[in-house]
């Protein structure tokens, strides 16, 4: 009787461990929402890297008018985006000293 309980508990533990290991990547450690931005490619002179210009409108505190602000991001590009393309970039792990973004899709190709 004691042996049967011990066998059941051992098999239950191995099943739980196997399920826990398999499910840890899926349900246990959910990834936080990664920031996405849409911008235009302004430079593609590097290998597998593009510079993306992202424009945004910010309301001026004193004058209550909208001011255009521009930011440039270096993004890893496996898709082959060229200058003038509109691309969507997503936050990712640091790939180099300045590169922390990755191109996930080319929204609109540049007119040639």
PDB file of N, CA and C in Angstrom:
ATOM      1  N   UNK A   1       0.820  -1.178   0.000  1.00  0.00           N
ATOM      2  CA  UNK A   1       0.000   0.000   0.000  1.00  0.00           C
ATOM      3  C   UNK A   1       0.870   1.251   0.000  1.00  0.00           C
ATOM      4  N   UNK A   2       1.875   1.273   0.875  1.00  0.00           N
ATOM      5  CA  UNK A   2       2.772   2.424   0.952  1.00  0.00           C
ATOM      6  C   UNK A   2       3.590   2.546  -0.318  1.00  0.00           C
ATOM      7  N   UNK A   3       3.952   1.385  -0.884  1.00  0.00           N
ATOM      8  CA  UNK A   3       4.728   1.401  -2.116  1.00  0.00           C
ATOM      9  C   UNK A   3       3.910   1.985  -3.264  1.00  0.00           C
ATOM     10  N   UNK A   4       2.610   1.652  -3.325  1.00  0.00           N
ATOM     11  CA  UNK A   4       1.752   2.161  -4.379  1.00  0.00           C
ATOM     12  C   UNK A   4       1.635   3.674  -4.291  1.00  0.00           C
ATOM     13  N   UNK A   5       1.467   4.202  -3.083  1.00  0.00           N
ATOM     14  CA  UNK A   5       1.368   5.653  -2.896  1.00  0.00           C
ATOM     15  C   UNK A   5       2.665   6.338  -3.302  1.00  0.00           C
ATOM     16  N   UNK A   6       3.776   5.695  -2.957  1.00  0.00           N
ATOM     17  CA  UNK A   6       5.069   6.277  -3.291  1.00  0.00           C
ATOM     18  C   UNK A   6       5.246   6.310  -4.804  1.00  0.00           C
ATOM     19  N   UNK A   7       4.849   5.245  -5.516  1.00  0.00           N
ATOM     20  CA  UNK A   7       4.960   5.202  -6.969  1.00  0.00           C
ATOM     21  C   UNK A   7       4.071   6.260  -7.598  1.00  0.00           C
ATOM     22  N   UNK A   8       2.847   6.415  -7.086  1.00  0.00           N
ATOM     23  CA  UNK A   8       1.932   7.413  -7.615  1.00  0.00           C
ATOM     24  C   UNK A   8       2.500   8.812  -7.429  1.00  0.00           C
ATOM     25  N   UNK A   9       3.060   9.062  -6.245  1.00  0.00           N
ATOM     26  CA  UNK A   9       3.603  10.394  -5.985  1.00  0.00           C
ATOM     27  C   UNK A   9       4.829  10.650  -6.850  1.00  0.00           C
ATOM     28  N   UNK A  10       5.649   9.634  -7.088  1.00  0.00           N
ATOM     29  CA  UNK A  10       6.825   9.806  -7.945  1.00  0.00           C
ATOM     30  C   UNK A  10       6.430  10.082  -9.382  1.00  0.00           C
ATOM     31  N   UNK A  11       5.466   9.336  -9.915  1.00  0.00           N
ATOM     32  CA  UNK A  11       5.048   9.552 -11.295  1.00  0.00           C
ATOM     33  C   UNK A  11       4.349  10.899 -11.420  1.00  0.00           C
ATOM     34  N   UNK A  12       3.607  11.285 -10.416  1.00  0.00           N
ATOM     35  CA  UNK A  12       2.953  12.597 -10.435  1.00  0.00           C
ATOM     36  C   UNK A  12       3.964  13.727 -10.427  1.00  0.00           C
ATOM     37  N   UNK A  13       5.049  13.523  -9.674  1.00  0.00           N
ATOM     38  CA  UNK A  13       6.083  14.552  -9.607  1.00  0.00           C
ATOM     39  C   UNK A  13       6.799  14.691 -10.941  1.00  0.00           C
ATOM     40  N   UNK A  14       7.093  13.564 -11.608  1.00  0.00           N
ATOM     41  CA  UNK A  14       7.783  13.641 -12.893  1.00  0.00           C
ATOM     42  C   UNK A  14       6.877  14.243 -13.957  1.00  0.00           C
ATOM     43  N   UNK A  15       5.589  13.916 -13.910  1.00  0.00           N
ATOM     44  CA  UNK A  15       4.653  14.524 -14.856  1.00  0.00           C
ATOM     45  C   UNK A  15       4.549  16.016 -14.623  1.00  0.00           C
ATOM     46  N   UNK A  16       4.475  16.423 -13.381  1.00  0.00           N
ATOM     47  CA  UNK A  16       4.386  17.851 -13.066  1.00  0.00           C
ATOM     48  C   UNK A  16       5.654  18.578 -13.505  1.00  0.00           C
ATOM     49  N   UNK A  17       6.811  17.931 -13.300  1.00  0.00           N
ATOM     50  CA  UNK A  17       8.065  18.543 -13.704  1.00  0.00           C
ATOM     51  C   UNK A  17       8.131  18.665 -15.217  1.00  0.00           C
ATOM     52  N   UNK A  18       7.714  17.620 -15.922  1.00  0.00           N
ATOM     53  CA  UNK A  18       7.742  17.645 -17.379  1.00  0.00           C
ATOM     54  C   UNK A  18       6.785  18.712 -17.910  1.00  0.00           C
ATOM     55  N   UNK A  19       5.581  18.775 -17.362  1.00  0.00           N
ATOM     56  CA  UNK A  19       4.621  19.779 -17.798  1.00  0.00           C
ATOM     57  C   UNK A  19       5.077  21.173 -17.418  1.00  0.00           C
ATOM     58  N   UNK A  20       5.652  21.308 -16.250  1.00  0.00           N
ATOM     59  CA  UNK A  20       6.127  22.611 -15.800  1.00  0.00           C
ATOM     60  C   UNK A  20       7.261  23.120 -16.662  1.00  0.00           C
ATOM     61  N   UNK A  21       8.164  22.215 -17.061  1.00  0.00           N
ATOM     62  CA  UNK A  21       9.281  22.619 -17.906  1.00  0.00           C
ATOM     63  C   UNK A  21       8.789  23.013 -19.288  1.00  0.00           C
ATOM     64  N   UNK A  22       7.818  22.272 -19.799  1.00  0.00           N
ATOM     65  CA  UNK A  22       7.302  22.577 -21.132  1.00  0.00           C
ATOM     66  C   UNK A  22       6.455  23.844 -21.105  1.00  0.00           C
ATOM     67  N   UNK A  23       5.706  24.023 -20.044  1.00  0.00           N
ATOM     68  CA  UNK A  23       4.806  25.172 -19.966  1.00  0.00           C
ATOM     69  C   UNK A  23       5.466  26.436 -19.455  1.00  0.00           C
ATOM     70  N   UNK A  24       6.695  26.328 -18.946  1.00  0.00           N
ATOM     71  CA  UNK A  24       7.352  27.506 -18.375  1.00  0.00           C
ATOM     72  C   UNK A  24       7.596  28.570 -19.432  1.00  0.00           C
ATOM     73  N   UNK A  25       7.954  28.159 -20.630  1.00  0.00           N
ATOM     74  CA  UNK A  25       8.199  29.117 -21.696  1.00  0.00           C
ATOM     75  C   UNK A  25       6.918  29.743 -22.210  1.00  0.00           C
ATOM     76  N   UNK A  26       5.822  29.010 -22.118  1.00  0.00           N
ATOM     77  CA  UNK A  26       4.571  29.499 -22.677  1.00  0.00           C
ATOM     78  C   UNK A  26       3.760  30.310 -21.667  1.00  0.00           C
ATOM     79  N   UNK A  27       3.421  29.697 -20.543  1.00  0.00           N
ATOM     80  CA  UNK A  27       2.510  30.342 -19.615  1.00  0.00           C
ATOM     81  C   UNK A  27       3.214  30.904 -18.391  1.00  0.00           C
ATOM     82  N   UNK A  28       4.282  30.259 -17.938  1.00  0.00           N
ATOM     83  CA  UNK A  28       4.932  30.657 -16.694  1.00  0.00           C
ATOM     84  C   UNK A  28       5.602  32.019 -16.774  1.00  0.00           C
ATOM     85  N   UNK A  29       6.340  32.274 -17.842  1.00  0.00           N
ATOM     86  CA  UNK A  29       7.052  33.550 -17.960  1.00  0.00           C
ATOM     87  C   UNK A  29       6.532  34.300 -19.183  1.00  0.00           C
ATOM     88  N   UNK A  30       5.441  34.999 -18.998  1.00  0.00           N
ATOM     89  CA  UNK A  30       4.866  35.762 -20.096  1.00  0.00           C
ATOM     90  C   UNK A  30       5.746  36.966 -20.391  1.00  0.00           C
ATOM     91  N   UNK A  31       5.955  37.229 -21.654  1.00  0.00           N
ATOM     92  CA  UNK A  31       6.769  38.357 -22.084  1.00  0.00           C
ATOM     93  C   UNK A  31       5.945  39.635 -22.002  1.00  0.00           C
ATOM     94  N   UNK A  32       6.577  40.689 -21.551  1.00  0.00           N
ATOM     95  CA  UNK A  32       5.891  41.973 -21.452  1.00  0.00           C
ATOM     96  C   UNK A  32       5.613  42.513 -22.850  1.00  0.00           C
ATOM     97  N   UNK A  33       4.680  43.429 -22.940  1.00  0.00           N
ATOM     98  CA  UNK A  33       4.334  44.042 -24.213  1.00  0.00           C
ATOM     99  C   UNK A  33       5.529  44.815 -24.749  1.00  0.00           C
ATOM    100  N   UNK A  34       5.941  44.508 -25.963  1.00  0.00           N
ATOM    101  CA  UNK A  34       7.090  45.178 -26.564  1.00  0.00           C
ATOM    102  C   UNK A  34       6.615  46.395 -27.344  1.00  0.00           C
ATOM    103  N   UNK A  35       7.308  47.479 -27.169  1.00  0.00           N
ATOM    104  CA  UNK A  35       6.950  48.726 -27.821  1.00  0.00           C
ATOM    105  C   UNK A  35       7.170  48.625 -29.325  1.00  0.00           C
ATOM    106  N   UNK A  36       6.222  49.163 -30.106  1.00  0.00           N
ATOM    107  CA  UNK A  36       6.330  49.187 -31.561  1.00  0.00           C
ATOM    108  C   UNK A  36       6.224  50.617 -32.049  1.00  0.00           C
ATOM    109  N   UNK A  37       6.953  50.920 -33.115  1.00  0.00           N
ATOM    110  CA  UNK A  37       6.914  52.248 -33.720  1.00  0.00           C
ATOM    111  C   UNK A  37       6.912  52.101 -35.221  1.00  0.00           C
ATOM    112  N   UNK A  38       6.347  53.095 -35.916  1.00  0.00           N
ATOM    113  CA  UNK A  38       6.340  53.118 -37.374  1.00  0.00           C
ATOM    114  C   UNK A  38       7.085  54.360 -37.812  1.00  0.00           C
ATOM    115  N   UNK A  39       8.027  54.173 -38.751  1.00  0.00           N
ATOM    116  CA  UNK A  39       8.811  55.302 -39.216  1.00  0.00           C
ATOM    117  C   UNK A  39       9.368  55.053 -40.601  1.00  0.00           C
ATOM    118  N   UNK A  40      10.127  56.024 -41.093  1.00  0.00           N
ATOM    119  CA  UNK A  40      10.703  55.955 -42.427  1.00  0.00           C
ATOM    120  C   UNK A  40      12.194  55.665 -42.337  1.00  0.00           C
ATOM    121  N   UNK A  41      12.689  54.850 -43.245  1.00  0.00           N
ATOM    122  CA  UNK A  41      14.115  54.522 -43.295  1.00  0.00           C
ATOM    123  C   UNK A  41      14.851  55.697 -43.919  1.00  0.00           C
ATOM    124  N   UNK A  42      15.862  56.211 -43.206  1.00  0.00           N
ATOM    125  CA  UNK A  42      16.641  57.338 -43.715  1.00  0.00           C
ATOM    126  C   UNK A  42      18.053  56.938 -44.107  1.00  0.00           C
ATOM    127  N   UNK A  43      18.513  55.761 -43.663  1.00  0.00           N
ATOM    128  CA  UNK A  43      19.837  55.289 -44.038  1.00  0.00           C
ATOM    129  C   UNK A  43      19.856  53.770 -44.051  1.00  0.00           C
ATOM    130  N   UNK A  44      20.466  53.218 -45.113  1.00  0.00           N
ATOM    131  CA  UNK A  44      20.627  51.764 -45.199  1.00  0.00           C
ATOM    132  C   UNK A  44      22.048  51.409 -45.618  1.00  0.00           C
ATOM    133  N   UNK A  45      23.005  52.223 -45.234  1.00  0.00           N
ATOM    134  CA  UNK A  45      24.390  52.045 -45.659  1.00  0.00           C
ATOM    135  C   UNK A  45      25.128  50.954 -44.897  1.00  0.00           C
ATOM    136  N   UNK A  46      24.565  50.499 -43.794  1.00  0.00           N
ATOM    137  CA  UNK A  46      25.206  49.450 -43.002  1.00  0.00           C
ATOM    138  C   UNK A  46      24.676  48.080 -43.411  1.00  0.00           C
ATOM    139  N   UNK A  47      25.385  47.037 -43.028  1.00  0.00           N
ATOM    140  CA  UNK A  47      24.939  45.683 -43.322  1.00  0.00           C
ATOM    141  C   UNK A  47      23.946  45.245 -42.254  1.00  0.00           C
ATOM    142  N   UNK A  48      22.746  44.867 -42.676  1.00  0.00           N
ATOM    143  CA  UNK A  48      21.680  44.370 -41.797  1.00  0.00           C
ATOM    144  C   UNK A  48      21.260  45.376 -40.734  1.00  0.00           C
ATOM    145  N   UNK A  49      21.501  46.659 -40.968  1.00  0.00           N
ATOM    146  CA  UNK A  49      21.078  47.706 -40.034  1.00  0.00           C
ATOM    147  C   UNK A  49      20.531  48.875 -40.834  1.00  0.00           C
ATOM    148  N   UNK A  50      19.416  49.432 -40.377  1.00  0.00           N
ATOM    149  CA  UNK A  50      18.857  50.634 -40.985  1.00  0.00           C
ATOM    150  C   UNK A  50      18.615  51.662 -39.887  1.00  0.00           C
ATOM    151  N   UNK A  51      18.610  52.929 -40.275  1.00  0.00           N
ATOM    152  CA  UNK A  51      18.267  54.004 -39.356  1.00  0.00           C
ATOM    153  C   UNK A  51      16.844  54.429 -39.692  1.00  0.00           C
ATOM    154  N   UNK A  52      15.973  54.393 -38.689  1.00  0.00           N
ATOM    155  CA  UNK A  52      14.555  54.695 -38.879  1.00  0.00           C
ATOM    156  C   UNK A  52      14.226  55.994 -38.162  1.00  0.00           C
ATOM    157  N   UNK A  53      13.609  56.940 -38.895  1.00  0.00           N
ATOM    158  CA  UNK A  53      13.178  58.209 -38.312  1.00  0.00           C
ATOM    159  C   UNK A  53      11.700  58.103 -37.940  1.00  0.00           C
ATOM    160  N   UNK A  54      11.414  58.353 -36.668  1.00  0.00           N
ATOM    161  CA  UNK A  54      10.041  58.285 -36.165  1.00  0.00           C
ATOM    162  C   UNK A  54       9.625  59.688 -35.758  1.00  0.00           C
ATOM    163  N   UNK A  55       8.541  60.182 -36.380  1.00  0.00           N
ATOM    164  CA  UNK A  55       8.005  61.513 -36.058  1.00  0.00           C
ATOM    165  C   UNK A  55       6.815  61.366 -35.126  1.00  0.00           C
ATOM    166  N   UNK A  56       6.686  62.311 -34.204  1.00  0.00           N
ATOM    167  CA  UNK A  56       5.524  62.324 -33.315  1.00  0.00           C
ATOM    168  C   UNK A  56       5.151  63.771 -33.023  1.00  0.00           C
ATOM    169  N   UNK A  57       3.896  63.999 -32.698  1.00  0.00           N
ATOM    170  CA  UNK A  57       3.425  65.332 -32.349  1.00  0.00           C
ATOM    171  C   UNK A  57       3.294  65.434 -30.839  1.00  0.00           C
ATOM    172  N   UNK A  58       3.891  66.492 -30.277  1.00  0.00           N
ATOM    173  CA  UNK A  58       3.876  66.727 -28.838  1.00  0.00           C
ATOM    174  C   UNK A  58       3.265  68.091 -28.598  1.00  0.00           C
ATOM    175  N   UNK A  59       2.379  68.172 -27.636  1.00  0.00           N
ATOM    176  CA  UNK A  59       1.737  69.446 -27.328  1.00  0.00           C
ATOM    177  C   UNK A  59       2.668  70.293 -26.462  1.00  0.00           C
ATOM    178  N   UNK A  60       2.909  71.516 -26.884  1.00  0.00           N
ATOM    179  CA  UNK A  60       3.785  72.425 -26.150  1.00  0.00           C
ATOM    180  C   UNK A  60       3.072  72.883 -24.880  1.00  0.00           C
ATOM    181  N   UNK A  61       3.782  72.811 -23.754  1.00  0.00           N
ATOM    182  CA  UNK A  61       3.157  73.120 -22.469  1.00  0.00           C
ATOM    183  C   UNK A  61       2.696  74.572 -22.372  1.00  0.00           C
ATOM    184  N   UNK A  62       3.506  75.499 -22.826  1.00  0.00           N
ATOM    185  CA  UNK A  62       3.188  76.914 -22.672  1.00  0.00           C
ATOM    186  C   UNK A  62       2.274  77.431 -23.776  1.00  0.00           C
ATOM    187  N   UNK A  63       2.597  77.092 -25.026  1.00  0.00           N
ATOM    188  CA  UNK A  63       1.887  77.686 -26.159  1.00  0.00           C
ATOM    189  C   UNK A  63       0.697  76.863 -26.636  1.00  0.00           C
ATOM    190  N   UNK A  64       0.524  75.668 -26.076  1.00  0.00           N
ATOM    191  CA  UNK A  64      -0.620  74.816 -26.393  1.00  0.00           C
ATOM    192  C   UNK A  64      -0.741  74.488 -27.886  1.00  0.00           C
ATOM    193  N   UNK A  65       0.382  74.466 -28.569  1.00  0.00           N
ATOM    194  CA  UNK A  65       0.415  74.095 -29.985  1.00  0.00           C
ATOM    195  C   UNK A  65       1.132  72.757 -30.115  1.00  0.00           C
ATOM    196  N   UNK A  66       0.875  72.068 -31.192  1.00  0.00           N
ATOM    197  CA  UNK A  66       1.551  70.796 -31.420  1.00  0.00           C
ATOM    198  C   UNK A  66       2.857  71.029 -32.165  1.00  0.00           C
ATOM    199  N   UNK A  67       3.921  70.431 -31.630  1.00  0.00           N
ATOM    200  CA  UNK A  67       5.254  70.548 -32.190  1.00  0.00           C
ATOM    201  C   UNK A  67       5.692  69.167 -32.652  1.00  0.00           C
ATOM    202  N   UNK A  68       6.301  69.111 -33.839  1.00  0.00           N
ATOM    203  CA  UNK A  68       6.776  67.829 -34.353  1.00  0.00           C
ATOM    204  C   UNK A  68       8.145  67.513 -33.761  1.00  0.00           C
ATOM    205  N   UNK A  69       8.266  66.338 -33.167  1.00  0.00           N
ATOM    206  CA  UNK A  69       9.531  65.857 -32.610  1.00  0.00           C
ATOM    207  C   UNK A  69       9.962  64.630 -33.411  1.00  0.00           C
ATOM    208  N   UNK A  70      11.268  64.521 -33.654  1.00  0.00           N
ATOM    209  CA  UNK A  70      11.813  63.423 -34.441  1.00  0.00           C
ATOM    210  C   UNK A  70      12.827  62.642 -33.617  1.00  0.00           C
ATOM    211  N   UNK A  71      12.770  61.335 -33.709  1.00  0.00           N
ATOM    212  CA  UNK A  71      13.748  60.461 -33.068  1.00  0.00           C
ATOM    213  C   UNK A  71      14.290  59.508 -34.115  1.00  0.00           C
ATOM    214  N   UNK A  72      15.563  59.158 -33.998  1.00  0.00           N
ATOM    215  CA  UNK A  72      16.173  58.193 -34.912  1.00  0.00           C
ATOM    216  C   UNK A  72      16.548  56.944 -34.126  1.00  0.00           C
ATOM    217  N   UNK A  73      16.209  55.795 -34.684  1.00  0.00           N
ATOM    218  CA  UNK A  73      16.511  54.517 -34.061  1.00  0.00           C
ATOM    219  C   UNK A  73      17.276  53.651 -35.040  1.00  0.00           C
ATOM    220  N   UNK A  74      18.318  52.981 -34.546  1.00  0.00           N
ATOM    221  CA  UNK A  74      19.022  52.000 -35.358  1.00  0.00           C
ATOM    222  C   UNK A  74      18.323  50.665 -35.158  1.00  0.00           C
ATOM    223  N   UNK A  75      17.974  49.997 -36.262  1.00  0.00           N
ATOM    224  CA  UNK A  75      17.197  48.764 -36.180  1.00  0.00           C
ATOM    225  C   UNK A  75      17.839  47.664 -37.010  1.00  0.00           C
ATOM    226  N   UNK A  76      17.779  46.446 -36.476  1.00  0.00           N
ATOM    227  CA  UNK A  76      18.281  45.270 -37.189  1.00  0.00           C
ATOM    228  C   UNK A  76      17.303  44.922 -38.304  1.00  0.00           C
ATOM    229  N   UNK A  77      17.821  44.744 -39.526  1.00  0.00           N
ATOM    230  CA  UNK A  77      16.966  44.551 -40.694  1.00  0.00           C
ATOM    231  C   UNK A  77      17.355  43.299 -41.450  1.00  0.00           C
ATOM    232  N   UNK A  78      16.513  42.274 -41.374  1.00  0.00           N
ATOM    233  CA  UNK A  78      16.712  41.046 -42.143  1.00  0.00           C
ATOM    234  C   UNK A  78      15.859  41.068 -43.409  1.00  0.00           C
ATOM    235  N   UNK A  79      14.932  42.012 -43.521  1.00  0.00           N
ATOM    236  CA  UNK A  79      13.979  42.034 -44.633  1.00  0.00           C
ATOM    237  C   UNK A  79      14.493  42.796 -45.850  1.00  0.00           C
ATOM    238  N   UNK A  80      15.523  43.609 -45.697  1.00  0.00           N
ATOM    239  CA  UNK A  80      16.081  44.342 -46.829  1.00  0.00           C
ATOM    240  C   UNK A  80      15.363  45.649 -47.129  1.00  0.00           C
ATOM    241  N   UNK A  81      15.074  46.424 -46.109  1.00  0.00           N
ATOM    242  CA  UNK A  81      14.427  47.721 -46.308  1.00  0.00           C
ATOM    243  C   UNK A  81      15.422  48.711 -46.925  1.00  0.00           C
ATOM    244  N   UNK A  82      14.919  49.614 -47.751  1.00  0.00           N
ATOM    245  CA  UNK A  82      15.769  50.619 -48.396  1.00  0.00           C
ATOM    246  C   UNK A  82      15.300  52.014 -48.004  1.00  0.00           C
ATOM    247  N   UNK A  83      16.061  53.016 -48.396  1.00  0.00           N
ATOM    248  CA  UNK A  83      15.749  54.399 -48.038  1.00  0.00           C
ATOM    249  C   UNK A  83      14.365  54.770 -48.569  1.00  0.00           C
ATOM    250  N   UNK A  84      13.562  55.374 -47.709  1.00  0.00           N
ATOM    251  CA  UNK A  84      12.221  55.815 -48.087  1.00  0.00           C
ATOM    252  C   UNK A  84      11.123  54.841 -47.716  1.00  0.00           C
ATOM    253  N   UNK A  85      11.467  53.596 -47.382  1.00  0.00           N
ATOM    254  CA  UNK A  85      10.454  52.609 -46.983  1.00  0.00           C
ATOM    255  C   UNK A  85       9.856  53.000 -45.639  1.00  0.00           C
ATOM    256  N   UNK A  86       8.561  52.730 -45.493  1.00  0.00           N
ATOM    257  CA  UNK A  86       7.895  52.912 -44.206  1.00  0.00           C
ATOM    258  C   UNK A  86       7.904  51.554 -43.521  1.00  0.00           C
ATOM    259  N   UNK A  87       8.510  51.473 -42.322  1.00  0.00           N
ATOM    260  CA  UNK A  87       8.691  50.186 -41.646  1.00  0.00           C
ATOM    261  C   UNK A  87       8.136  50.233 -40.234  1.00  0.00           C
ATOM    262  N   UNK A  88       7.821  49.038 -39.713  1.00  0.00           N
ATOM    263  CA  UNK A  88       7.404  48.893 -38.320  1.00  0.00           C
ATOM    264  C   UNK A  88       8.562  48.243 -37.574  1.00  0.00           C
ATOM    265  N   UNK A  89       8.973  48.875 -36.460  1.00  0.00           N
ATOM    266  CA  UNK A  89      10.070  48.340 -35.657  1.00  0.00           C
ATOM    267  C   UNK A  89       9.540  47.965 -34.279  1.00  0.00           C
ATOM    268  N   UNK A  90      10.204  46.984 -33.664  1.00  0.00           N
ATOM    269  CA  UNK A  90       9.789  46.505 -32.350  1.00  0.00           C
ATOM    270  C   UNK A  90      11.009  46.475 -31.443  1.00  0.00           C
ATOM    271  N   UNK A  91      10.777  46.742 -30.172  1.00  0.00           N
ATOM    272  CA  UNK A  91      11.836  46.734 -29.172  1.00  0.00           C
ATOM    273  C   UNK A  91      12.373  45.316 -29.013  1.00  0.00           C
ATOM    274  N   UNK A  92      13.687  45.191 -28.842  1.00  0.00           N
ATOM    275  CA  UNK A  92      14.294  43.871 -28.690  1.00  0.00           C
ATOM    276  C   UNK A  92      15.515  43.971 -27.788  1.00  0.00           C
ATOM    277  N   UNK A  93      16.187  42.852 -27.595  1.00  0.00           N
ATOM    278  CA  UNK A  93      17.389  42.841 -26.756  1.00  0.00           C
ATOM    279  C   UNK A  93      18.476  43.681 -27.418  1.00  0.00           C
ATOM    280  N   UNK A  94      19.440  44.177 -26.655  1.00  0.00           N
ATOM    281  CA  UNK A  94      20.534  44.934 -27.269  1.00  0.00           C
ATOM    282  C   UNK A  94      21.343  44.052 -28.216  1.00  0.00           C
ATOM    283  N   UNK A  95      21.484  44.491 -29.458  1.00  0.00           N
ATOM    284  CA  UNK A  95      22.242  43.739 -30.451  1.00  0.00           C
ATOM    285  C   UNK A  95      23.622  44.336 -30.666  1.00  0.00           C
ATOM    286  N   UNK A  96      23.778  45.599 -30.305  1.00  0.00           N
ATOM    287  CA  UNK A  96      25.085  46.251 -30.350  1.00  0.00           C
ATOM    288  C   UNK A  96      25.009  47.452 -29.415  1.00  0.00           C
ATOM    289  N   UNK A  97      26.008  48.318 -29.485  1.00  0.00           N
ATOM    290  CA  UNK A  97      26.047  49.469 -28.583  1.00  0.00           C
ATOM    291  C   UNK A  97      24.860  50.404 -28.784  1.00  0.00           C
ATOM    292  N   UNK A  98      24.383  50.541 -30.018  1.00  0.00           N
ATOM    293  CA  UNK A  98      23.288  51.478 -30.312  1.00  0.00           C
ATOM    294  C   UNK A  98      22.031  50.816 -30.868  1.00  0.00           C
ATOM    295  N   UNK A  99      22.086  49.539 -31.142  1.00  0.00           N
ATOM    296  CA  UNK A  99      20.981  48.862 -31.830  1.00  0.00           C
ATOM    297  C   UNK A  99      20.139  48.061 -30.846  1.00  0.00           C
ATOM    298  N   UNK A 100      18.891  48.535 -30.611  1.00  0.00           N
ATOM    299  CA  UNK A 100      17.964  47.883 -29.682  1.00  0.00           C
ATOM    300  C   UNK A 100      16.584  47.670 -30.294  1.00  0.00           C
ATOM    301  N   UNK A 101      16.471  47.795 -31.602  1.00  0.00           N
ATOM    302  CA  UNK A 101      15.205  47.655 -32.303  1.00  0.00           C
ATOM    303  C   UNK A 101      15.383  46.691 -33.469  1.00  0.00           C
ATOM    304  N   UNK A 102      14.265  46.117 -33.934  1.00  0.00           N
ATOM    305  CA  UNK A 102      14.292  45.156 -35.033  1.00  0.00           C
ATOM    306  C   UNK A 102      13.144  45.460 -35.980  1.00  0.00           C
ATOM    307  N   UNK A 103      13.389  45.409 -37.280  1.00  0.00           N
ATOM    308  CA  UNK A 103      12.348  45.630 -38.284  1.00  0.00           C
ATOM    309  C   UNK A 103      11.518  44.362 -38.385  1.00  0.00           C
ATOM    310  N   UNK A 104      10.195  44.492 -38.176  1.00  0.00           N
ATOM    311  CA  UNK A 104       9.332  43.304 -38.255  1.00  0.00           C
ATOM    312  C   UNK A 104       8.523  43.266 -39.548  1.00  0.00           C
ATOM    313  N   UNK A 105       8.272  44.427 -40.158  1.00  0.00           N
ATOM    314  CA  UNK A 105       7.581  44.423 -41.439  1.00  0.00           C
ATOM    315  C   UNK A 105       7.822  45.728 -42.183  1.00  0.00           C
ATOM    316  N   UNK A 106       7.761  45.624 -43.500  1.00  0.00           N
ATOM    317  CA  UNK A 106       7.837  46.806 -44.353  1.00  0.00           C
ATOM    318  C   UNK A 106       6.393  47.170 -44.670  1.00  0.00           C
ATOM    319  N   UNK A 107       5.934  48.284 -44.107  1.00  0.00           N
ATOM    320  CA  UNK A 107       4.538  48.697 -44.259  1.00  0.00           C
ATOM    321  C   UNK A 107       4.268  49.178 -45.682  1.00  0.00           C
ATOM    322  N   UNK A 108       5.205  50.000 -46.201  1.00  0.00           N
ATOM    323  CA  UNK A 108       5.026  50.556 -47.548  1.00  0.00           C
ATOM    324  C   UNK A 108       6.396  50.736 -48.187  1.00  0.00           C
ATOM    325  N   UNK A 109       6.556  50.199 -49.392  1.00  0.00           N
ATOM    326  CA  UNK A 109       7.807  50.349 -50.121  1.00  0.00           C
ATOM    327  C   UNK A 109       7.909  51.757 -50.696  1.00  0.00           C
ATOM    328  N   UNK A 110       9.141  52.240 -50.833  1.00  0.00           N
ATOM    329  CA  UNK A 110       9.362  53.575 -51.384  1.00  0.00           C
ATOM    330  C   UNK A 110       9.079  53.577 -52.873  1.00  0.00           C
ATOM    331  N   UNK A 111       8.540  54.698 -53.367  1.00  0.00           N
ATOM    332  CA  UNK A 111       8.293  54.856 -54.796  1.00  0.00           C
ATOM    333  C   UNK A 111       9.628  55.035 -55.499  1.00  0.00           C
ATOM    334  N   UNK A 112       9.797  54.322 -56.614  1.00  0.00           N
ATOM    335  CA  UNK A 112      11.074  54.390 -57.324  1.00  0.00           C
ATOM    336  C   UNK A 112      11.013  55.254 -58.539  1.00  0.00           C
TER     337      UNK A 112
END
